[in-house]
Amino acid sequence: MSGSERRRELRRRRHRRKQVAKLTVKAGKSGPAEKLEIARKLRRLTPGAEILIERLSLVS
């Protein structure tokens, strides 16, 4: 029997939060070309990416 959908949802959310934290740290140390790549990854990763991209000032 497979796990409940709620448990899977929580696992996905925790993993997403960990990935966003990693990309946030990486964005602080990166140059302009790398920031574009981080913005692309954030857009693919989470639905609230535009808010994060604006907050981190990744794209002008």
N, C-alpha and C. Protein backbone atom coordinates (compact mmCIF):
# COMPACT_ATOMS: atom_id res chain seq x y z
N MET A 1 0.84 -1.18 0.00
CA MET A 1 0.00 0.00 0.00
C MET A 1 0.89 1.26 0.00
N SER A 2 0.55 2.20 -0.82
CA SER A 2 1.39 3.40 -0.93
C SER A 2 1.07 4.37 0.21
N GLY A 3 2.01 5.30 0.42
CA GLY A 3 1.84 6.29 1.48
C GLY A 3 0.74 7.28 1.14
N SER A 4 0.31 8.00 2.16
CA SER A 4 -0.76 8.96 1.94
C SER A 4 -0.26 10.15 1.13
N GLU A 5 -1.15 10.79 0.44
CA GLU A 5 -0.79 11.94 -0.40
C GLU A 5 -0.26 13.09 0.46
N ARG A 6 -0.81 13.23 1.66
CA ARG A 6 -0.38 14.30 2.56
C ARG A 6 1.10 14.16 2.90
N ARG A 7 1.53 12.94 3.19
CA ARG A 7 2.93 12.70 3.54
C ARG A 7 3.84 13.01 2.35
N ARG A 8 3.41 12.63 1.16
CA ARG A 8 4.20 12.94 -0.04
C ARG A 8 4.29 14.44 -0.26
N GLU A 9 3.17 15.12 -0.04
CA GLU A 9 3.14 16.57 -0.20
C GLU A 9 4.11 17.25 0.77
N LEU A 10 4.12 16.79 2.01
CA LEU A 10 5.03 17.37 2.99
C LEU A 10 6.48 17.12 2.61
N ARG A 11 6.78 15.93 2.12
CA ARG A 11 8.14 15.61 1.70
C ARG A 11 8.57 16.51 0.55
N ARG A 12 7.68 16.70 -0.42
CA ARG A 12 8.01 17.59 -1.55
C ARG A 12 8.24 19.01 -1.06
N ARG A 13 7.42 19.47 -0.14
CA ARG A 13 7.54 20.83 0.37
C ARG A 13 8.86 21.03 1.11
N ARG A 14 9.24 20.04 1.94
CA ARG A 14 10.50 20.14 2.68
C ARG A 14 11.69 20.14 1.73
N HIS A 15 11.63 19.29 0.73
CA HIS A 15 12.72 19.23 -0.24
C HIS A 15 12.82 20.55 -1.01
N ARG A 16 11.67 21.10 -1.39
CA ARG A 16 11.66 22.37 -2.12
C ARG A 16 12.26 23.48 -1.26
N ARG A 17 11.91 23.50 0.02
CA ARG A 17 12.44 24.53 0.91
C ARG A 17 13.95 24.42 1.03
N LYS A 18 14.46 23.19 1.11
CA LYS A 18 15.90 22.97 1.21
C LYS A 18 16.60 23.43 -0.07
N GLN A 19 16.02 23.13 -1.23
CA GLN A 19 16.61 23.53 -2.50
C GLN A 19 16.62 25.05 -2.65
N VAL A 20 15.52 25.69 -2.26
CA VAL A 20 15.44 27.16 -2.36
C VAL A 20 16.48 27.79 -1.44
N ALA A 21 16.69 27.22 -0.26
CA ALA A 21 17.70 27.76 0.65
C ALA A 21 19.10 27.65 0.04
N LYS A 22 19.39 26.52 -0.59
CA LYS A 22 20.69 26.34 -1.24
C LYS A 22 20.89 27.36 -2.36
N LEU A 23 19.85 27.54 -3.18
CA LEU A 23 19.97 28.48 -4.29
C LEU A 23 20.08 29.91 -3.80
N THR A 24 19.44 30.23 -2.68
CA THR A 24 19.52 31.58 -2.11
C THR A 24 20.95 31.89 -1.68
N VAL A 25 21.58 30.95 -1.01
CA VAL A 25 22.98 31.14 -0.58
C VAL A 25 23.88 31.28 -1.80
N LYS A 26 23.66 30.44 -2.79
CA LYS A 26 24.47 30.47 -4.00
C LYS A 26 24.29 31.79 -4.76
N ALA A 27 23.08 32.34 -4.73
CA ALA A 27 22.80 33.58 -5.44
C ALA A 27 23.57 34.76 -4.85
N GLY A 28 23.79 34.74 -3.54
CA GLY A 28 24.52 35.82 -2.90
C GLY A 28 25.97 35.88 -3.33
N LYS A 29 26.53 34.75 -3.75
CA LYS A 29 27.95 34.68 -4.09
C LYS A 29 28.21 34.69 -5.59
N SER A 30 27.17 34.73 -6.40
CA SER A 30 27.34 34.50 -7.83
C SER A 30 27.39 35.78 -8.64
N GLY A 31 27.85 35.63 -9.87
CA GLY A 31 27.91 36.73 -10.81
C GLY A 31 26.62 36.83 -11.62
N PRO A 32 26.56 37.76 -12.55
CA PRO A 32 25.32 38.00 -13.31
C PRO A 32 24.85 36.80 -14.14
N ALA A 33 25.77 36.10 -14.79
CA ALA A 33 25.38 34.96 -15.62
C ALA A 33 24.84 33.83 -14.76
N GLU A 34 25.47 33.60 -13.62
CA GLU A 34 25.01 32.55 -12.72
C GLU A 34 23.65 32.90 -12.11
N LYS A 35 23.41 34.19 -11.89
CA LYS A 35 22.13 34.61 -11.32
C LYS A 35 20.98 34.30 -12.27
N LEU A 36 21.22 34.43 -13.57
CA LEU A 36 20.19 34.08 -14.54
C LEU A 36 19.87 32.58 -14.48
N GLU A 37 20.89 31.78 -14.32
CA GLU A 37 20.71 30.33 -14.23
C GLU A 37 19.96 29.96 -12.94
N ILE A 38 20.27 30.63 -11.85
CA ILE A 38 19.57 30.37 -10.59
C ILE A 38 18.11 30.78 -10.70
N ALA A 39 17.85 31.89 -11.38
CA ALA A 39 16.47 32.32 -11.59
C ALA A 39 15.70 31.29 -12.42
N ARG A 40 16.35 30.72 -13.43
CA ARG A 40 15.70 29.69 -14.26
C ARG A 40 15.37 28.47 -13.41
N LYS A 41 16.28 28.06 -12.55
CA LYS A 41 16.06 26.90 -11.70
C LYS A 41 14.93 27.17 -10.71
N LEU A 42 14.88 28.37 -10.16
CA LEU A 42 13.80 28.71 -9.23
C LEU A 42 12.44 28.68 -9.91
N ARG A 43 12.39 29.18 -11.13
CA ARG A 43 11.11 29.16 -11.87
C ARG A 43 10.62 27.73 -12.09
N ARG A 44 11.55 26.82 -12.35
CA ARG A 44 11.19 25.44 -12.58
C ARG A 44 10.81 24.74 -11.27
N LEU A 45 11.38 25.19 -10.17
CA LEU A 45 11.23 24.52 -8.89
C LEU A 45 9.93 24.85 -8.16
N THR A 46 9.54 26.10 -8.14
CA THR A 46 8.44 26.50 -7.26
C THR A 46 7.50 27.49 -7.95
N PRO A 47 6.22 27.43 -7.62
CA PRO A 47 5.26 28.35 -8.22
C PRO A 47 5.44 29.80 -7.76
N GLY A 48 6.00 30.03 -6.58
CA GLY A 48 6.20 31.38 -6.08
C GLY A 48 7.55 31.96 -6.45
N ALA A 49 8.10 31.52 -7.56
CA ALA A 49 9.46 31.87 -7.94
C ALA A 49 9.64 33.36 -8.23
N GLU A 50 8.66 33.97 -8.84
CA GLU A 50 8.83 35.39 -9.22
C GLU A 50 9.03 36.27 -7.99
N ILE A 51 8.36 35.95 -6.91
CA ILE A 51 8.53 36.72 -5.66
C ILE A 51 9.94 36.53 -5.13
N LEU A 52 10.42 35.29 -5.15
CA LEU A 52 11.77 35.00 -4.68
C LEU A 52 12.81 35.69 -5.56
N ILE A 53 12.60 35.65 -6.85
CA ILE A 53 13.56 36.27 -7.78
C ILE A 53 13.62 37.78 -7.56
N GLU A 54 12.49 38.37 -7.32
CA GLU A 54 12.46 39.82 -7.06
C GLU A 54 13.13 40.13 -5.73
N ARG A 55 12.87 39.34 -4.71
CA ARG A 55 13.45 39.56 -3.39
C ARG A 55 14.97 39.42 -3.42
N LEU A 56 15.46 38.47 -4.19
CA LEU A 56 16.91 38.24 -4.27
C LEU A 56 17.57 39.11 -5.33
N SER A 57 16.77 39.87 -6.06
CA SER A 57 17.21 40.74 -7.16
C SER A 57 18.12 39.99 -8.13
N LEU A 58 17.60 38.87 -8.64
CA LEU A 58 18.37 38.05 -9.57
C LEU A 58 18.27 38.57 -11.00
N VAL A 59 17.11 39.11 -11.37
CA VAL A 59 16.91 39.60 -12.72
C VAL A 59 16.53 41.08 -12.63
N SER A 60 17.17 41.89 -13.42
CA SER A 60 16.90 43.33 -13.38
C SER A 60 15.58 43.67 -14.00
